[in-house]
Amino acid sequence: MPPPKVKPTGRPHVVGLTALQLGTTYQLIETNTGEIRQSGIVSPQDKEIQINIKGPFTLRSNAVEFLRVRIDGLSFAIPDEAIGPLVVQFPDPETVPPPPPAATPAAKKKR
């Protein structure tokens, strides 16, 4: 009997992918379960691809340096040394604190 799959913990996050080069392939894998959440080819003219995921995940691509990753609307950088067909590990987004919101001054009404 195969071992039971581990359910990922935490709340779902939305991972957004965009490409800077034509024909960039991607594959998004949940680390805890090993499930391939989505894979395909993305180009610059395509809308942002949004994938729901829980916990840490792995991103595979034929040209990882041409992908831009956003998690819950916040941009996450792919390491500068990641060039070509590589695998990039992303931690659980709950363990990475978001930047503090920028304070905006209140607009004064003129009479």
PDB file of N, CA and C in Angstrom:
ATOM      1  N   MET A   1       0.838  -1.168   0.000  1.00  0.00           N
ATOM      2  CA  MET A   1       0.000   0.000   0.000  1.00  0.00           C
ATOM      3  C   MET A   1       0.894   1.247   0.000  1.00  0.00           C
ATOM      4  N   PRO A   2       0.631   2.217  -0.887  1.00  0.00           N
ATOM      5  CA  PRO A   2       1.471   3.418  -0.924  1.00  0.00           C
ATOM      6  C   PRO A   2       1.231   4.276   0.312  1.00  0.00           C
ATOM      7  N   PRO A   3       2.263   5.017   0.733  1.00  0.00           N
ATOM      8  CA  PRO A   3       2.087   5.865   1.909  1.00  0.00           C
ATOM      9  C   PRO A   3       1.070   6.962   1.608  1.00  0.00           C
ATOM     10  N   PRO A   4       0.324   7.405   2.627  1.00  0.00           N
ATOM     11  CA  PRO A   4      -0.668   8.452   2.389  1.00  0.00           C
ATOM     12  C   PRO A   4       0.008   9.769   2.048  1.00  0.00           C
ATOM     13  N   LYS A   5      -0.646  10.539   1.165  1.00  0.00           N
ATOM     14  CA  LYS A   5      -0.098  11.839   0.797  1.00  0.00           C
ATOM     15  C   LYS A   5      -0.280  12.812   1.948  1.00  0.00           C
ATOM     16  N   VAL A   6       0.704  13.668   2.110  1.00  0.00           N
ATOM     17  CA  VAL A   6       0.671  14.663   3.175  1.00  0.00           C
ATOM     18  C   VAL A   6      -0.103  15.866   2.669  1.00  0.00           C
ATOM     19  N   LYS A   7      -1.089  16.303   3.436  1.00  0.00           N
ATOM     20  CA  LYS A   7      -1.829  17.506   3.055  1.00  0.00           C
ATOM     21  C   LYS A   7      -0.986  18.712   3.417  1.00  0.00           C
ATOM     22  N   PRO A   8      -0.824  19.660   2.484  1.00  0.00           N
ATOM     23  CA  PRO A   8      -0.051  20.851   2.811  1.00  0.00           C
ATOM     24  C   PRO A   8      -0.782  21.689   3.854  1.00  0.00           C
ATOM     25  N   THR A   9      -0.005  22.321   4.713  1.00  0.00           N
ATOM     26  CA  THR A   9      -0.598  23.159   5.746  1.00  0.00           C
ATOM     27  C   THR A   9      -0.592  24.611   5.309  1.00  0.00           C
ATOM     28  N   GLY A  10      -1.377  25.405   5.985  1.00  0.00           N
ATOM     29  CA  GLY A  10      -1.408  26.835   5.686  1.00  0.00           C
ATOM     30  C   GLY A  10      -2.537  27.174   4.738  1.00  0.00           C
ATOM     31  N   ARG A  11      -2.682  28.455   4.514  1.00  0.00           N
ATOM     32  CA  ARG A  11      -3.747  28.916   3.634  1.00  0.00           C
ATOM     33  C   ARG A  11      -3.267  28.912   2.188  1.00  0.00           C
ATOM     34  N   PRO A  12      -4.191  28.867   1.250  1.00  0.00           N
ATOM     35  CA  PRO A  12      -3.784  28.898  -0.158  1.00  0.00           C
ATOM     36  C   PRO A  12      -3.201  30.260  -0.529  1.00  0.00           C
ATOM     37  N   HIS A  13      -2.245  30.218  -1.406  1.00  0.00           N
ATOM     38  CA  HIS A  13      -1.630  31.431  -1.940  1.00  0.00           C
ATOM     39  C   HIS A  13      -1.824  31.434  -3.449  1.00  0.00           C
ATOM     40  N   VAL A  14      -1.822  32.604  -4.036  1.00  0.00           N
ATOM     41  CA  VAL A  14      -1.936  32.733  -5.480  1.00  0.00           C
ATOM     42  C   VAL A  14      -0.552  33.076  -6.020  1.00  0.00           C
ATOM     43  N   VAL A  15      -0.015  32.188  -6.855  1.00  0.00           N
ATOM     44  CA  VAL A  15       1.280  32.404  -7.493  1.00  0.00           C
ATOM     45  C   VAL A  15       1.005  32.874  -8.909  1.00  0.00           C
ATOM     46  N   GLY A  16       1.561  34.017  -9.281  1.00  0.00           N
ATOM     47  CA  GLY A  16       1.405  34.556 -10.629  1.00  0.00           C
ATOM     48  C   GLY A  16       2.708  34.450 -11.400  1.00  0.00           C
ATOM     49  N   LEU A  17       2.634  33.995 -12.645  1.00  0.00           N
ATOM     50  CA  LEU A  17       3.818  33.870 -13.500  1.00  0.00           C
ATOM     51  C   LEU A  17       3.639  34.696 -14.761  1.00  0.00           C
ATOM     52  N   THR A  18       4.665  35.431 -15.134  1.00  0.00           N
ATOM     53  CA  THR A  18       4.707  36.128 -16.418  1.00  0.00           C
ATOM     54  C   THR A  18       6.072  35.860 -17.039  1.00  0.00           C
ATOM     55  N   ALA A  19       6.146  36.002 -18.360  1.00  0.00           N
ATOM     56  CA  ALA A  19       7.392  35.712 -19.078  1.00  0.00           C
ATOM     57  C   ALA A  19       7.903  36.962 -19.776  1.00  0.00           C
ATOM     58  N   LEU A  20       9.208  37.010 -19.977  1.00  0.00           N
ATOM     59  CA  LEU A  20       9.846  38.093 -20.710  1.00  0.00           C
ATOM     60  C   LEU A  20      10.346  37.644 -22.076  1.00  0.00           C
ATOM     61  N   GLN A  21      10.237  36.354 -22.366  1.00  0.00           N
ATOM     62  CA  GLN A  21      10.724  35.796 -23.625  1.00  0.00           C
ATOM     63  C   GLN A  21       9.678  34.826 -24.178  1.00  0.00           C
ATOM     64  N   LEU A  22       9.591  34.767 -25.500  1.00  0.00           N
ATOM     65  CA  LEU A  22       8.652  33.850 -26.152  1.00  0.00           C
ATOM     66  C   LEU A  22       9.007  32.396 -25.846  1.00  0.00           C
ATOM     67  N   GLY A  23       7.983  31.573 -25.674  1.00  0.00           N
ATOM     68  CA  GLY A  23       8.181  30.131 -25.551  1.00  0.00           C
ATOM     69  C   GLY A  23       8.852  29.674 -24.280  1.00  0.00           C
ATOM     70  N   THR A  24       8.669  30.384 -23.171  1.00  0.00           N
ATOM     71  CA  THR A  24       9.255  29.967 -21.907  1.00  0.00           C
ATOM     72  C   THR A  24       8.347  28.925 -21.264  1.00  0.00           C
ATOM     73  N   THR A  25       8.889  27.735 -21.004  1.00  0.00           N
ATOM     74  CA  THR A  25       8.094  26.677 -20.375  1.00  0.00           C
ATOM     75  C   THR A  25       8.204  26.791 -18.858  1.00  0.00           C
ATOM     76  N   TYR A  26       7.186  26.294 -18.173  1.00  0.00           N
ATOM     77  CA  TYR A  26       7.200  26.307 -16.714  1.00  0.00           C
ATOM     78  C   TYR A  26       6.495  25.064 -16.201  1.00  0.00           C
ATOM     79  N   GLN A  27       6.846  24.692 -14.987  1.00  0.00           N
ATOM     80  CA  GLN A  27       6.188  23.606 -14.277  1.00  0.00           C
ATOM     81  C   GLN A  27       6.235  23.964 -12.797  1.00  0.00           C
ATOM     82  N   LEU A  28       5.074  24.030 -12.160  1.00  0.00           N
ATOM     83  CA  LEU A  28       4.969  24.404 -10.757  1.00  0.00           C
ATOM     84  C   LEU A  28       4.579  23.174  -9.952  1.00  0.00           C
ATOM     85  N   ILE A  29       5.404  22.800  -8.953  1.00  0.00           N
ATOM     86  CA  ILE A  29       5.219  21.571  -8.183  1.00  0.00           C
ATOM     87  C   ILE A  29       5.145  21.909  -6.697  1.00  0.00           C
ATOM     88  N   GLU A  30       4.105  21.415  -6.011  1.00  0.00           N
ATOM     89  CA  GLU A  30       4.033  21.558  -4.556  1.00  0.00           C
ATOM     90  C   GLU A  30       5.077  20.646  -3.934  1.00  0.00           C
ATOM     91  N   THR A  31       5.907  21.189  -3.061  1.00  0.00           N
ATOM     92  CA  THR A  31       6.986  20.417  -2.460  1.00  0.00           C
ATOM     93  C   THR A  31       6.455  19.354  -1.504  1.00  0.00           C
ATOM     94  N   ASN A  32       5.444  19.687  -0.700  1.00  0.00           N
ATOM     95  CA  ASN A  32       4.946  18.747   0.311  1.00  0.00           C
ATOM     96  C   ASN A  32       4.292  17.513  -0.298  1.00  0.00           C
ATOM     97  N   THR A  33       3.550  17.687  -1.385  1.00  0.00           N
ATOM     98  CA  THR A  33       2.812  16.561  -1.961  1.00  0.00           C
ATOM     99  C   THR A  33       3.451  16.000  -3.225  1.00  0.00           C
ATOM    100  N   GLY A  34       4.315  16.761  -3.872  1.00  0.00           N
ATOM    101  CA  GLY A  34       4.910  16.331  -5.135  1.00  0.00           C
ATOM    102  C   GLY A  34       3.965  16.489  -6.311  1.00  0.00           C
ATOM    103  N   GLU A  35       2.819  17.114  -6.076  1.00  0.00           N
ATOM    104  CA  GLU A  35       1.807  17.288  -7.121  1.00  0.00           C
ATOM    105  C   GLU A  35       2.211  18.399  -8.084  1.00  0.00           C
ATOM    106  N   ILE A  36       2.108  18.106  -9.384  1.00  0.00           N
ATOM    107  CA  ILE A  36       2.347  19.132 -10.400  1.00  0.00           C
ATOM    108  C   ILE A  36       1.068  19.958 -10.491  1.00  0.00           C
ATOM    109  N   ARG A  37       1.136  21.200 -10.026  1.00  0.00           N
ATOM    110  CA  ARG A  37      -0.049  22.044  -9.986  1.00  0.00           C
ATOM    111  C   ARG A  37      -0.400  22.569 -11.377  1.00  0.00           C
ATOM    112  N   GLN A  38       0.601  22.940 -12.160  1.00  0.00           N
ATOM    113  CA  GLN A  38       0.339  23.415 -13.515  1.00  0.00           C
ATOM    114  C   GLN A  38       1.641  23.440 -14.290  1.00  0.00           C
ATOM    115  N   SER A  39       1.530  23.240 -15.600  1.00  0.00           N
ATOM    116  CA  SER A  39       2.690  23.349 -16.475  1.00  0.00           C
ATOM    117  C   SER A  39       2.218  23.834 -17.827  1.00  0.00           C
ATOM    118  N   GLY A  40       3.133  24.417 -18.574  1.00  0.00           N
ATOM    119  CA  GLY A  40       2.767  24.920 -19.895  1.00  0.00           C
ATOM    120  C   GLY A  40       3.835  25.834 -20.462  1.00  0.00           C
ATOM    121  N   ILE A  41       3.431  26.606 -21.466  1.00  0.00           N
ATOM    122  CA  ILE A  41       4.314  27.558 -22.130  1.00  0.00           C
ATOM    123  C   ILE A  41       3.687  28.934 -21.982  1.00  0.00           C
ATOM    124  N   VAL A  42       4.507  29.914 -21.622  1.00  0.00           N
ATOM    125  CA  VAL A  42       4.024  31.279 -21.434  1.00  0.00           C
ATOM    126  C   VAL A  42       4.884  32.236 -22.267  1.00  0.00           C
ATOM    127  N   SER A  43       4.242  33.279 -22.790  1.00  0.00           N
ATOM    128  CA  SER A  43       4.918  34.291 -23.612  1.00  0.00           C
ATOM    129  C   SER A  43       4.606  35.669 -23.055  1.00  0.00           C
ATOM    130  N   PRO A  44       5.373  36.695 -23.440  1.00  0.00           N
ATOM    131  CA  PRO A  44       5.160  38.036 -22.896  1.00  0.00           C
ATOM    132  C   PRO A  44       3.763  38.599 -23.157  1.00  0.00           C
ATOM    133  N   GLN A  45       3.140  38.259 -24.275  1.00  0.00           N
ATOM    134  CA  GLN A  45       1.824  38.821 -24.588  1.00  0.00           C
ATOM    135  C   GLN A  45       0.701  38.129 -23.821  1.00  0.00           C
ATOM    136  N   ASP A  46       0.987  37.006 -23.150  1.00  0.00           N
ATOM    137  CA  ASP A  46      -0.025  36.296 -22.371  1.00  0.00           C
ATOM    138  C   ASP A  46      -0.327  37.048 -21.079  1.00  0.00           C
ATOM    139  N   LYS A  47      -1.562  36.880 -20.596  1.00  0.00           N
ATOM    140  CA  LYS A  47      -1.908  37.424 -19.291  1.00  0.00           C
ATOM    141  C   LYS A  47      -1.166  36.639 -18.218  1.00  0.00           C
ATOM    142  N   GLU A  48      -1.067  37.226 -17.038  1.00  0.00           N
ATOM    143  CA  GLU A  48      -0.407  36.543 -15.931  1.00  0.00           C
ATOM    144  C   GLU A  48      -1.134  35.237 -15.620  1.00  0.00           C
ATOM    145  N   ILE A  49      -0.366  34.167 -15.497  1.00  0.00           N
ATOM    146  CA  ILE A  49      -0.928  32.864 -15.144  1.00  0.00           C
ATOM    147  C   ILE A  49      -1.005  32.820 -13.627  1.00  0.00           C
ATOM    148  N   GLN A  50      -2.166  32.467 -13.091  1.00  0.00           N
ATOM    149  CA  GLN A  50      -2.349  32.421 -11.646  1.00  0.00           C
ATOM    150  C   GLN A  50      -2.667  31.001 -11.214  1.00  0.00           C
ATOM    151  N   ILE A  51      -1.907  30.521 -10.218  1.00  0.00           N
ATOM    152  CA  ILE A  51      -2.036  29.161  -9.722  1.00  0.00           C
ATOM    153  C   ILE A  51      -2.219  29.211  -8.208  1.00  0.00           C
ATOM    154  N   ASN A  52      -3.201  28.493  -7.675  1.00  0.00           N
ATOM    155  CA  ASN A  52      -3.383  28.389  -6.227  1.00  0.00           C
ATOM    156  C   ASN A  52      -2.488  27.277  -5.705  1.00  0.00           C
ATOM    157  N   ILE A  53      -1.782  27.558  -4.608  1.00  0.00           N
ATOM    158  CA  ILE A  53      -0.835  26.586  -4.056  1.00  0.00           C
ATOM    159  C   ILE A  53      -0.741  26.763  -2.549  1.00  0.00           C
ATOM    160  N   LYS A  54      -0.399  25.669  -1.838  1.00  0.00           N
ATOM    161  CA  LYS A  54      -0.178  25.726  -0.394  1.00  0.00           C
ATOM    162  C   LYS A  54       1.247  25.284  -0.104  1.00  0.00           C
ATOM    163  N   GLY A  55       1.882  25.966   0.827  1.00  0.00           N
ATOM    164  CA  GLY A  55       3.208  25.571   1.279  1.00  0.00           C
ATOM    165  C   GLY A  55       4.308  25.909   0.288  1.00  0.00           C
ATOM    166  N   PRO A  56       5.502  25.353   0.514  1.00  0.00           N
ATOM    167  CA  PRO A  56       6.628  25.610  -0.383  1.00  0.00           C
ATOM    168  C   PRO A  56       6.394  24.960  -1.747  1.00  0.00           C
ATOM    169  N   PHE A  57       7.039  25.514  -2.773  1.00  0.00           N
ATOM    170  CA  PHE A  57       6.866  24.959  -4.117  1.00  0.00           C
ATOM    171  C   PHE A  57       8.151  25.075  -4.916  1.00  0.00           C
ATOM    172  N   THR A  58       8.195  24.309  -6.003  1.00  0.00           N
ATOM    173  CA  THR A  58       9.342  24.282  -6.900  1.00  0.00           C
ATOM    174  C   THR A  58       8.897  24.772  -8.265  1.00  0.00           C
ATOM    175  N   LEU A  59       9.719  25.589  -8.877  1.00  0.00           N
ATOM    176  CA  LEU A  59       9.460  26.095 -10.220  1.00  0.00           C
ATOM    177  C   LEU A  59      10.543  25.565 -11.146  1.00  0.00           C
ATOM    178  N   ARG A  60      10.131  24.862 -12.198  1.00  0.00           N
ATOM    179  CA  ARG A  60      11.063  24.379 -13.229  1.00  0.00           C
ATOM    180  C   ARG A  60      10.777  25.140 -14.506  1.00  0.00           C
ATOM    181  N   SER A  61      11.832  25.446 -15.273  1.00  0.00           N
ATOM    182  CA  SER A  61      11.665  26.176 -16.526  1.00  0.00           C
ATOM    183  C   SER A  61      12.856  25.929 -17.438  1.00  0.00           C
ATOM    184  N   ASN A  62      12.630  26.139 -18.748  1.00  0.00           N
ATOM    185  CA  ASN A  62      13.739  26.021 -19.692  1.00  0.00           C
ATOM    186  C   ASN A  62      14.594  27.284 -19.695  1.00  0.00           C
ATOM    187  N   ALA A  63      14.051  28.389 -19.220  1.00  0.00           N
ATOM    188  CA  ALA A  63      14.787  29.651 -19.130  1.00  0.00           C
ATOM    189  C   ALA A  63      14.255  30.414 -17.923  1.00  0.00           C
ATOM    190  N   VAL A  64      14.633  29.969 -16.738  1.00  0.00           N
ATOM    191  CA  VAL A  64      14.058  30.492 -15.502  1.00  0.00           C
ATOM    192  C   VAL A  64      14.342  31.983 -15.317  1.00  0.00           C
ATOM    193  N   GLU A  65      15.404  32.493 -15.905  1.00  0.00           N
ATOM    194  CA  GLU A  65      15.731  33.920 -15.743  1.00  0.00           C
ATOM    195  C   GLU A  65      14.730  34.829 -16.450  1.00  0.00           C
ATOM    196  N   PHE A  66      13.906  34.276 -17.345  1.00  0.00           N
ATOM    197  CA  PHE A  66      12.915  35.083 -18.069  1.00  0.00           C
ATOM    198  C   PHE A  66      11.514  34.982 -17.466  1.00  0.00           C
ATOM    199  N   LEU A  67      11.399  34.406 -16.270  1.00  0.00           N
ATOM    200  CA  LEU A  67      10.108  34.338 -15.589  1.00  0.00           C
ATOM    201  C   LEU A  67      10.072  35.335 -14.439  1.00  0.00           C
ATOM    202  N   ARG A  68       8.918  35.924 -14.215  1.00  0.00           N
ATOM    203  CA  ARG A  68       8.687  36.797 -13.068  1.00  0.00           C
ATOM    204  C   ARG A  68       7.626  36.137 -12.199  1.00  0.00           C
ATOM    205  N   VAL A  69       7.892  36.062 -10.896  1.00  0.00           N
ATOM    206  CA  VAL A  69       7.015  35.365  -9.959  1.00  0.00           C
ATOM    207  C   VAL A  69       6.436  36.359  -8.961  1.00  0.00           C
ATOM    208  N   ARG A  70       5.116  36.278  -8.785  1.00  0.00           N
ATOM    209  CA  ARG A  70       4.436  37.076  -7.762  1.00  0.00           C
ATOM    210  C   ARG A  70       3.631  36.119  -6.891  1.00  0.00           C
ATOM    211  N   ILE A  71       3.742  36.302  -5.563  1.00  0.00           N
ATOM    212  CA  ILE A  71       2.984  35.487  -4.624  1.00  0.00           C
ATOM    213  C   ILE A  71       2.085  36.422  -3.835  1.00  0.00           C
ATOM    214  N   ASP A  72       0.794  36.215  -3.961  1.00  0.00           N
ATOM    215  CA  ASP A  72      -0.206  37.081  -3.321  1.00  0.00           C
ATOM    216  C   ASP A  72       0.029  38.546  -3.662  1.00  0.00           C
ATOM    217  N   GLY A  73       0.428  38.822  -4.895  1.00  0.00           N
ATOM    218  CA  GLY A  73       0.623  40.196  -5.345  1.00  0.00           C
ATOM    219  C   GLY A  73       1.986  40.778  -5.055  1.00  0.00           C
ATOM    220  N   LEU A  74       2.840  40.073  -4.317  1.00  0.00           N
ATOM    221  CA  LEU A  74       4.185  40.564  -4.000  1.00  0.00           C
ATOM    222  C   LEU A  74       5.201  39.885  -4.910  1.00  0.00           C
ATOM    223  N   SER A  75       6.101  40.669  -5.480  1.00  0.00           N
ATOM    224  CA  SER A  75       7.118  40.122  -6.377  1.00  0.00           C
ATOM    225  C   SER A  75       8.190  39.387  -5.577  1.00  0.00           C
ATOM    226  N   PHE A  76       8.581  38.215  -6.070  1.00  0.00           N
ATOM    227  CA  PHE A  76       9.664  37.440  -5.485  1.00  0.00           C
ATOM    228  C   PHE A  76      10.752  37.286  -6.528  1.00  0.00           C
ATOM    229  N   ALA A  77      11.976  37.569  -6.138  1.00  0.00           N
ATOM    230  CA  ALA A  77      13.097  37.536  -7.083  1.00  0.00           C
ATOM    231  C   ALA A  77      13.609  36.113  -7.265  1.00  0.00           C
ATOM    232  N   ILE A  78      13.919  35.798  -8.506  1.00  0.00           N
ATOM    233  CA  ILE A  78      14.619  34.556  -8.820  1.00  0.00           C
ATOM    234  C   ILE A  78      16.107  34.872  -8.686  1.00  0.00           C
ATOM    235  N   PRO A  79      16.894  34.023  -8.035  1.00  0.00           N
ATOM    236  CA  PRO A  79      18.308  34.330  -7.818  1.00  0.00           C
ATOM    237  C   PRO A  79      19.040  34.671  -9.120  1.00  0.00           C
ATOM    238  N   ASP A  80      19.968  35.632  -9.037  1.00  0.00           N
ATOM    239  CA  ASP A  80      20.707  36.083 -10.221  1.00  0.00           C
ATOM    240  C   ASP A  80      21.509  34.964 -10.871  1.00  0.00           C
ATOM    241  N   GLU A  81      21.980  34.001 -10.077  1.00  0.00           N
ATOM    242  CA  GLU A  81      22.786  32.911 -10.634  1.00  0.00           C
ATOM    243  C   GLU A  81      21.931  31.840 -11.313  1.00  0.00           C
ATOM    244  N   ALA A  82      20.612  31.970 -11.227  1.00  0.00           N
ATOM    245  CA  ALA A  82      19.710  31.008 -11.867  1.00  0.00           C
ATOM    246  C   ALA A  82      19.529  31.391 -13.331  1.00  0.00           C
ATOM    247  N   ILE A  83      20.241  30.690 -14.210  1.00  0.00           N
ATOM    248  CA  ILE A  83      20.193  30.964 -15.651  1.00  0.00           C
ATOM    249  C   ILE A  83      20.021  29.635 -16.373  1.00  0.00           C
ATOM    250  N   GLY A  84      19.115  29.619 -17.343  1.00  0.00           N
ATOM    251  CA  GLY A  84      18.921  28.430 -18.162  1.00  0.00           C
ATOM    252  C   GLY A  84      17.916  27.469 -17.569  1.00  0.00           C
ATOM    253  N   PRO A  85      18.015  26.188 -17.968  1.00  0.00           N
ATOM    254  CA  PRO A  85      17.039  25.190 -17.496  1.00  0.00           C
ATOM    255  C   PRO A  85      17.359  24.749 -16.073  1.00  0.00           C
ATOM    256  N   LEU A  86      16.721  25.396 -15.108  1.00  0.00           N
ATOM    257  CA  LEU A  86      16.996  25.113 -13.699  1.00  0.00           C
ATOM    258  C   LEU A  86      15.714  24.894 -12.912  1.00  0.00           C
ATOM    259  N   VAL A  87      15.907  24.445 -11.691  1.00  0.00           N
ATOM    260  CA  VAL A  87      14.826  24.284 -10.729  1.00  0.00           C
ATOM    261  C   VAL A  87      15.068  25.312  -9.624  1.00  0.00           C
ATOM    262  N   VAL A  88      14.035  26.089  -9.278  1.00  0.00           N
ATOM    263  CA  VAL A  88      14.154  27.087  -8.219  1.00  0.00           C
ATOM    264  C   VAL A  88      13.172  26.727  -7.114  1.00  0.00           C
ATOM    265  N   GLN A  89      13.668  26.645  -5.875  1.00  0.00           N
ATOM    266  CA  GLN A  89      12.834  26.330  -4.718  1.00  0.00           C
ATOM    267  C   GLN A  89      12.333  27.631  -4.096  1.00  0.00           C
ATOM    268  N   PHE A  90      11.045  27.700  -3.777  1.00  0.00           N
ATOM    269  CA  PHE A  90      10.469  28.838  -3.077  1.00  0.00           C
ATOM    270  C   PHE A  90       9.983  28.361  -1.726  1.00  0.00           C
ATOM    271  N   PRO A  91      10.261  29.107  -0.643  1.00  0.00           N
ATOM    272  CA  PRO A  91       9.796  28.693   0.677  1.00  0.00           C
ATOM    273  C   PRO A  91       8.290  28.885   0.797  1.00  0.00           C
ATOM    274  N   ASP A  92       7.725  28.365   1.886  1.00  0.00           N
ATOM    275  CA  ASP A  92       6.314  28.582   2.171  1.00  0.00           C
ATOM    276  C   ASP A  92       6.102  30.084   2.302  1.00  0.00           C
ATOM    277  N   PRO A  93       5.202  30.656   1.521  1.00  0.00           N
ATOM    278  CA  PRO A  93       5.005  32.106   1.590  1.00  0.00           C
ATOM    279  C   PRO A  93       4.621  32.618   2.969  1.00  0.00           C
ATOM    280  N   GLU A  94       4.047  31.764   3.837  1.00  0.00           N
ATOM    281  CA  GLU A  94       3.716  32.208   5.187  1.00  0.00           C
ATOM    282  C   GLU A  94       4.963  32.458   6.021  1.00  0.00           C
ATOM    283  N   THR A  95       6.096  31.856   5.662  1.00  0.00           N
ATOM    284  CA  THR A  95       7.318  32.041   6.430  1.00  0.00           C
ATOM    285  C   THR A  95       8.092  33.269   5.968  1.00  0.00           C
ATOM    286  N   VAL A  96       7.703  33.862   4.868  1.00  0.00           N
ATOM    287  CA  VAL A  96       8.372  35.050   4.350  1.00  0.00           C
ATOM    288  C   VAL A  96       7.480  36.252   4.654  1.00  0.00           C
ATOM    289  N   PRO A  97       7.905  37.131   5.571  1.00  0.00           N
ATOM    290  CA  PRO A  97       7.031  38.244   5.917  1.00  0.00           C
ATOM    291  C   PRO A  97       6.908  39.236   4.764  1.00  0.00           C
ATOM    292  N   PRO A  98       5.691  39.712   4.509  1.00  0.00           N
ATOM    293  CA  PRO A  98       5.523  40.713   3.452  1.00  0.00           C
ATOM    294  C   PRO A  98       6.096  42.050   3.898  1.00  0.00           C
ATOM    295  N   PRO A  99       6.466  42.903   2.959  1.00  0.00           N
ATOM    296  CA  PRO A  99       6.978  44.216   3.348  1.00  0.00           C
ATOM    297  C   PRO A  99       5.869  45.037   4.000  1.00  0.00           C
ATOM    298  N   PRO A 100       6.243  45.942   4.903  1.00  0.00           N
ATOM    299  CA  PRO A 100       5.205  46.745   5.550  1.00  0.00           C
ATOM    300  C   PRO A 100       4.531  47.662   4.536  1.00  0.00           C
ATOM    301  N   PRO A 101       3.237  47.930   4.731  1.00  0.00           N
ATOM    302  CA  PRO A 101       2.553  48.804   3.776  1.00  0.00           C
ATOM    303  C   PRO A 101       3.087  50.231   3.874  1.00  0.00           C
ATOM    304  N   ALA A 102       3.128  50.888   2.733  1.00  0.00           N
ATOM    305  CA  ALA A 102       3.626  52.259   2.697  1.00  0.00           C
ATOM    306  C   ALA A 102       2.562  53.188   3.267  1.00  0.00           C
ATOM    307  N   ALA A 103       2.997  54.113   4.084  1.00  0.00           N
ATOM    308  CA  ALA A 103       2.055  55.067   4.670  1.00  0.00           C
ATOM    309  C   ALA A 103       1.768  56.148   3.645  1.00  0.00           C
ATOM    310  N   THR A 104       0.506  56.389   3.386  1.00  0.00           N
ATOM    311  CA  THR A 104       0.116  57.434   2.446  1.00  0.00           C
ATOM    312  C   THR A 104      -0.502  58.574   3.212  1.00  0.00           C
ATOM    313  N   PRO A 105      -0.061  59.792   2.958  1.00  0.00           N
ATOM    314  CA  PRO A 105      -0.630  60.927   3.677  1.00  0.00           C
ATOM    315  C   PRO A 105      -2.067  61.155   3.222  1.00  0.00           C
ATOM    316  N   ALA A 106      -2.898  61.553   4.166  1.00  0.00           N
ATOM    317  CA  ALA A 106      -4.298  61.828   3.860  1.00  0.00           C
ATOM    318  C   ALA A 106      -4.420  63.133   3.084  1.00  0.00           C
ATOM    319  N   ALA A 107      -5.234  63.115   2.065  1.00  0.00           N
ATOM    320  CA  ALA A 107      -5.436  64.311   1.247  1.00  0.00           C
ATOM    321  C   ALA A 107      -6.320  65.292   2.001  1.00  0.00           C
ATOM    322  N   LYS A 108      -5.950  66.568   1.974  1.00  0.00           N
ATOM    323  CA  LYS A 108      -6.739  67.591   2.639  1.00  0.00           C
ATOM    324  C   LYS A 108      -7.744  68.167   1.666  1.00  0.00           C
ATOM    325  N   LYS A 109      -8.909  68.410   2.171  1.00  0.00           N
ATOM    326  CA  LYS A 109      -9.967  68.995   1.338  1.00  0.00           C
ATOM    327  C   LYS A 109      -9.800  70.501   1.290  1.00  0.00           C
ATOM    328  N   LYS A 110      -9.987  71.056   0.110  1.00  0.00           N
ATOM    329  CA  LYS A 110      -9.952  72.515  -0.062  1.00  0.00           C
ATOM    330  C   LYS A 110     -11.380  73.009  -0.139  1.00  0.00           C
ATOM    331  N   ARG A 111     -11.615  74.163   0.426  1.00  0.00           N
ATOM    332  CA  ARG A 111     -12.966  74.731   0.404  1.00  0.00           C
ATOM    333  C   ARG A 111     -13.062  75.852  -0.572  1.00  0.00           C
TER     334      ARG A 111
END
